[in-house]
Structure formats: C-alpha cells, structure tokens
C-alpha atoms as a PDB file:
ATOM      1  CA  MET A   1      10.232   2.864 -21.487  1.00  0.00           C
ATOM      2  CA  ASN A   2       9.015   1.614 -18.158  1.00  0.00           C
ATOM      3  CA  GLU A   3       5.429   0.765 -17.218  1.00  0.00           C
ATOM      4  CA  VAL A   4       4.284   1.830 -13.886  1.00  0.00           C
ATOM      5  CA  THR A   5       1.448   0.529 -11.613  1.00  0.00           C
ATOM      6  CA  GLU A   6       0.280   2.352  -8.645  1.00  0.00           C
ATOM      7  CA  TYR A   7      -1.443   1.302  -5.459  1.00  0.00           C
ATOM      8  CA  LYS A   8      -2.727   3.412  -2.581  1.00  0.00           C
ATOM      9  CA  ILE A   9      -3.609   2.105   0.766  1.00  0.00           C
ATOM     10  CA  VAL A  10      -5.319   4.099   3.457  1.00  0.00           C
ATOM     11  CA  ILE A  11      -5.276   3.155   7.249  1.00  0.00           C
ATOM     12  CA  ASP A  12      -7.550   5.159   9.049  1.00  0.00           C
ATOM     13  CA  ASN A  13      -9.603   4.835  12.427  1.00  0.00           C
ATOM     14  CA  ALA A  14     -12.475   3.169  10.465  1.00  0.00           C
ATOM     15  CA  LEU A  15     -10.106   0.258   9.315  1.00  0.00           C
ATOM     16  CA  VAL A  16      -8.516   0.051  12.814  1.00  0.00           C
ATOM     17  CA  ASP A  17     -11.919  -0.271  14.263  1.00  0.00           C
ATOM     18  CA  LYS A  18     -12.783  -3.058  11.907  1.00  0.00           C
ATOM     19  CA  TYR A  19      -9.683  -4.936  12.488  1.00  0.00           C
ATOM     20  CA  CYS A  20     -10.408  -4.532  16.362  1.00  0.00           C
ATOM     21  CA  GLN A  21     -13.833  -5.953  15.912  1.00  0.00           C
ATOM     22  CA  LEU A  22     -12.387  -9.078  14.108  1.00  0.00           C
ATOM     23  CA  TYR A  23      -9.819  -9.318  16.875  1.00  0.00           C
ATOM     24  CA  PHE A  24     -12.335  -9.247  19.611  1.00  0.00           C
ATOM     25  CA  LYS A  25     -14.244 -12.015  17.986  1.00  0.00           C
ATOM     26  CA  GLN A  26     -11.232 -14.190  17.714  1.00  0.00           C
ATOM     27  CA  HIS A  27      -9.972 -13.498  21.185  1.00  0.00           C
ATOM     28  CA  PRO A  28     -13.215 -13.164  23.138  1.00  0.00           C
ATOM     29  CA  ARG A  29     -11.255 -12.839  26.553  1.00  0.00           C
ATOM     30  CA  ALA A  30      -9.147 -10.015  25.313  1.00  0.00           C
ATOM     31  CA  LYS A  31      -9.748  -6.317  26.782  1.00  0.00           C
ATOM     32  CA  LYS A  32      -7.317  -4.281  25.251  1.00  0.00           C
ATOM     33  CA  ARG A  33      -7.424  -3.087  21.577  1.00  0.00           C
ATOM     34  CA  PRO A  34      -4.383  -4.541  19.881  1.00  0.00           C
ATOM     35  CA  ILE A  35      -4.056  -1.453  17.508  1.00  0.00           C
ATOM     36  CA  ASP A  36      -5.069   1.816  18.957  1.00  0.00           C
ATOM     37  CA  ARG A  37      -4.547   4.407  16.211  1.00  0.00           C
ATOM     38  CA  PRO A  38      -3.837   4.304  12.431  1.00  0.00           C
ATOM     39  CA  ILE A  39      -0.346   5.501  12.778  1.00  0.00           C
ATOM     40  CA  HIS A  40       2.644   3.069  13.052  1.00  0.00           C
ATOM     41  CA  PRO A  41       4.413   3.026  16.332  1.00  0.00           C
ATOM     42  CA  SER A  42       7.497   5.696  16.357  1.00  0.00           C
ATOM     43  CA  LEU A  43      10.852   4.367  16.673  1.00  0.00           C
ATOM     44  CA  ASN A  44      11.071   6.374  19.875  1.00  0.00           C
ATOM     45  CA  GLN A  45       8.300   4.096  21.215  1.00  0.00           C
ATOM     46  CA  TRP A  46       9.377   0.616  20.403  1.00  0.00           C
ATOM     47  CA  MET A  47      13.161   0.808  20.351  1.00  0.00           C
ATOM     48  CA  ILE A  48      13.117   1.508  24.176  1.00  0.00           C
ATOM     49  CA  LEU A  49      10.773  -1.582  24.916  1.00  0.00           C
ATOM     50  CA  PRO A  50      12.140  -4.715  26.587  1.00  0.00           C
ATOM     51  CA  ARG A  51      12.552  -7.307  23.894  1.00  0.00           C
ATOM     52  CA  ILE A  52       9.419  -9.317  24.941  1.00  0.00           C
ATOM     53  CA  GLN A  53       7.186  -6.317  24.705  1.00  0.00           C
ATOM     54  CA  MET A  54       8.804  -5.008  21.407  1.00  0.00           C
ATOM     55  CA  ASN A  55       8.145  -8.550  19.924  1.00  0.00           C
ATOM     56  CA  THR A  56       4.487  -8.438  21.084  1.00  0.00           C
ATOM     57  CA  LEU A  57       3.972  -5.032  19.456  1.00  0.00           C
ATOM     58  CA  LYS A  58       5.717  -6.216  16.329  1.00  0.00           C
ATOM     59  CA  GLN A  59       3.416  -9.146  16.136  1.00  0.00           C
ATOM     60  CA  LYS A  60       0.318  -7.075  16.659  1.00  0.00           C
ATOM     61  CA  TRP A  61       1.360  -4.795  13.814  1.00  0.00           C
ATOM     62  CA  LYS A  62       2.243  -7.606  11.443  1.00  0.00           C
ATOM     63  CA  ASP A  63      -1.124  -9.175  12.038  1.00  0.00           C
ATOM     64  CA  PHE A  64      -2.801  -5.845  11.489  1.00  0.00           C
ATOM     65  CA  GLY A  65      -0.708  -5.223   8.403  1.00  0.00           C
ATOM     66  CA  LYS A  66      -1.862  -8.557   6.835  1.00  0.00           C
ATOM     67  CA  PHE A  67      -5.395  -7.596   7.688  1.00  0.00           C
ATOM     68  CA  VAL A  68      -4.970  -4.358   5.696  1.00  0.00           C
ATOM     69  CA  ILE A  69      -3.341  -6.101   2.663  1.00  0.00           C
ATOM     70  CA  LYS A  70      -6.221  -8.615   2.721  1.00  0.00           C
ATOM     71  CA  LYS A  71      -8.889  -5.839   2.875  1.00  0.00           C
ATOM     72  CA  HIS A  72      -7.556  -4.049   0.022  1.00  0.00           C
ATOM     73  CA  GLU A  73      -7.300  -7.558  -1.791  1.00  0.00           C
ATOM     74  CA  LEU A  74      -3.468  -7.072  -2.598  1.00  0.00           C
ATOM     75  CA  GLU A  75      -2.298 -10.445  -1.130  1.00  0.00           C
ATOM     76  CA  ASN A  76       0.316 -12.439  -3.113  1.00  0.00           C
ATOM     77  CA  LYS A  77       1.164  -9.698  -5.525  1.00  0.00           C
ATOM     78  CA  MET A  78       4.822 -10.279  -5.087  1.00  0.00           C
ATOM     79  CA  LEU A  79       5.914  -6.918  -6.197  1.00  0.00           C
ATOM     80  CA  GLU A  80       9.715  -6.655  -7.036  1.00  0.00           C
ATOM     81  CA  ASN A  81      10.736  -3.416  -8.309  1.00  0.00           C
ATOM     82  CA  PHE A  82       8.822  -0.586  -6.262  1.00  0.00           C
ATOM     83  CA  GLU A  83       8.976   2.399  -4.088  1.00  0.00           C
ATOM     84  CA  ILE A  84       6.931   3.160  -1.156  1.00  0.00           C
ATOM     85  CA  GLU A  85       5.719   6.515   0.365  1.00  0.00           C
ATOM     86  CA  PHE A  86       4.220   6.610   3.812  1.00  0.00           C
ATOM     87  CA  LEU A  87       2.408   9.805   4.530  1.00  0.00           C
ATOM     88  CA  VAL A  88       1.480  10.015   8.129  1.00  0.00           C
ATOM     89  CA  PHE A  89      -1.168  12.577   9.183  1.00  0.00           C
ATOM     90  CA  MET A  90      -0.902  12.998  12.975  1.00  0.00           C
ATOM     91  CA  PRO A  91      -3.848  14.151  15.237  1.00  0.00           C
ATOM     92  CA  THR A  92      -1.995  17.142  16.448  1.00  0.00           C
ATOM     93  CA  ARG A  93       0.558  19.899  15.137  1.00  0.00           C
ATOM     94  CA  ARG A  94       3.205  18.525  17.574  1.00  0.00           C
ATOM     95  CA  ARG A  95       6.631  18.660  15.973  1.00  0.00           C
ATOM     96  CA  ILE A  96       7.508  15.112  14.563  1.00  0.00           C
ATOM     97  CA  ASP A  97      10.625  13.693  12.877  1.00  0.00           C
ATOM     98  CA  PRO A  98       9.406  11.758   9.826  1.00  0.00           C
ATOM     99  CA  ASP A  99      12.412   9.432  10.197  1.00  0.00           C
ATOM    100  CA  ASN A 100      10.803   8.216  13.486  1.00  0.00           C
ATOM    101  CA  THR A 101       7.742   7.076  11.453  1.00  0.00           C
ATOM    102  CA  CYS A 102       9.686   4.256   9.874  1.00  0.00           C
ATOM    103  CA  PRO A 103       6.964   1.575   9.279  1.00  0.00           C
ATOM    104  CA  LYS A 104       9.155  -1.523   9.826  1.00  0.00           C
ATOM    105  CA  PHE A 105       6.304  -3.772  11.272  1.00  0.00           C
ATOM    106  CA  LEU A 106       4.014  -2.908   8.272  1.00  0.00           C
ATOM    107  CA  LEU A 107       6.929  -3.627   5.880  1.00  0.00           C
ATOM    108  CA  ASP A 108       7.365  -7.023   7.433  1.00  0.00           C
ATOM    109  CA  ALA A 109       3.662  -7.628   7.145  1.00  0.00           C
ATOM    110  CA  PHE A 110       3.593  -6.703   3.464  1.00  0.00           C
ATOM    111  CA  THR A 111       6.390  -9.096   2.896  1.00  0.00           C
ATOM    112  CA  GLU A 112       4.879 -11.716   4.900  1.00  0.00           C
ATOM    113  CA  SER A 113       1.431 -11.410   3.176  1.00  0.00           C
ATOM    114  CA  GLY A 114       3.044 -11.700  -0.124  1.00  0.00           C
ATOM    115  CA  PHE A 115       2.101  -8.252  -1.390  1.00  0.00           C
ATOM    116  CA  ILE A 116       5.877  -7.519  -1.744  1.00  0.00           C
ATOM    117  CA  VAL A 117       8.753  -9.889  -2.315  1.00  0.00           C
ATOM    118  CA  ASP A 118      10.950  -8.343   0.187  1.00  0.00           C
ATOM    119  CA  ASP A 119      11.682  -4.908   1.739  1.00  0.00           C
ATOM    120  CA  ASP A 120      15.477  -5.245   0.894  1.00  0.00           C
ATOM    121  CA  SER A 121      17.250  -2.817  -1.442  1.00  0.00           C
ATOM    122  CA  LYS A 122      16.965  -5.177  -4.325  1.00  0.00           C
ATOM    123  CA  HIS A 123      13.211  -4.923  -4.391  1.00  0.00           C
ATOM    124  CA  LEU A 124      12.413  -1.614  -2.447  1.00  0.00           C
ATOM    125  CA  LYS A 125      14.129   1.037  -4.546  1.00  0.00           C
ATOM    126  CA  LYS A 126      13.047   4.069  -2.645  1.00  0.00           C
ATOM    127  CA  LEU A 127      11.339   4.675   0.786  1.00  0.00           C
ATOM    128  CA  ILE A 128       9.710   8.075   1.453  1.00  0.00           C
ATOM    129  CA  LEU A 129       8.554   9.145   4.956  1.00  0.00           C
ATOM    130  CA  SER A 130       6.509  12.191   5.303  1.00  0.00           C
ATOM    131  CA  ALA A 131       4.411  13.637   7.876  1.00  0.00           C
ATOM    132  CA  ASP A 132       1.543  16.337   8.212  1.00  0.00           C
ATOM    133  CA  CYS A 133      -1.487  17.029  10.352  1.00  0.00           C
ATOM    134  CA  ASP A 134      -5.124  16.245  10.181  1.00  0.00           C
ATOM    135  CA  LYS A 135      -7.017  16.619  13.474  1.00  0.00           C
ATOM    136  CA  ASP A 136     -10.222  15.382  12.111  1.00  0.00           C
ATOM    137  CA  ASN A 137      -8.850  12.311  10.299  1.00  0.00           C
ATOM    138  CA  PRO A 138      -5.564  10.983  11.405  1.00  0.00           C
ATOM    139  CA  ARG A 139      -4.193   8.276   9.143  1.00  0.00           C
ATOM    140  CA  THR A 140      -1.568   6.877   7.066  1.00  0.00           C
ATOM    141  CA  GLU A 141      -1.501   6.867   3.517  1.00  0.00           C
ATOM    142  CA  ILE A 142       0.742   4.517   1.618  1.00  0.00           C
ATOM    143  CA  TYR A 143       1.533   4.995  -2.110  1.00  0.00           C
ATOM    144  CA  ILE A 144       3.329   2.268  -4.004  1.00  0.00           C
ATOM    145  CA  LYS A 145       4.822   2.486  -7.334  1.00  0.00           C
ATOM    146  CA  VAL A 146       5.879  -0.617  -9.177  1.00  0.00           C
ATOM    147  CA  TYR A 147       8.091  -0.419 -12.074  1.00  0.00           C
ATOM    148  CA  LYS A 148       8.045  -3.102 -14.868  1.00  0.00           C
ATOM    149  CA  GLU A 149      10.865  -2.896 -17.141  1.00  0.00           C
ATOM    150  CA  GLU A 150      10.214  -4.015 -20.657  1.00  0.00           C
ATOM    151  CA  ASN A 151      12.483  -6.742 -22.150  1.00  0.00           C
ATOM    152  CA  LYS A 152      15.535  -5.436 -23.895  1.00  0.00           C
ATOM    153  CA  GLU A 153      16.242  -7.572 -26.918  1.00  0.00           C
END
C-alpha cells in the first residue's frame, strides 16, 4: 500500500501584492510590478519573446515561485515521487487552451527552492493542467500528491 501526502498552494492577487511589496522594498528604484497577475504566463506569451526578454520573464517568475514556496513553508522538502495539478481560474470566460498554461517557470522555481527534487519524468509522474473562470478571484491552485512506497522485503 502506498502512503500519500498532499499539499495545496494557492496563488492569488493578495499573494502577488505581498510579493510586489517585498520586491519594491528590495528594489526601491523599480517602477513596474514584476508579477502582474496570479496566473503563469501563457506559452503563447513567452515563446514569442526575444531571448533576453524571455529570460527576464523567466527569472521574475522563478523569484516569485521561490517566494511562494517560502511563504507556504515548503522549502527543502525534496519531493521525489509526485504528481501536480495546476488549476488556473481566469478572470474572464474567454476560451483558453489548458495546455498553454504550462507552468514551466514555477516548476523551475519549485526545483530551485528544494520543494521538489526535479520536474523530470523520474520524479514528476503526472502533470495535470486545467482551467476555469472566477471573475472575482482569479488565481492558480496547485495540488501536489506525493507517493511514498513502503519498503518491500
């Protein structure tokens, strides 16, 4: 029998605001918010950017992702055998392709923060992407299931 541990991470506007406050304290000359909404940039947005802009966007989201993990006190968990579901609640009913919501930058941040060992197929067994609408509370809900196999002797 497998033992399952579950985690839930919610990224909402309040969390984005807290991160931006911290960011502006650390970068007092900055004028623009590094993260403008609680939804990972779409593949359609970042794949067409020039390389330098794409790397800048990736770094902003990696820094934000590490902040999210720290806020949820999940650093250095080093999860090894897990599946993740990303449920994105968009602010409008506009049609969205869930596969374009692929959270590459957040997964990189989860690895860098030590929350997960890696997002490769050896550790990440299933990645579920889904989308819905919540006009009043756009957000990203992340559900992680960690499977621990009992020793077979």
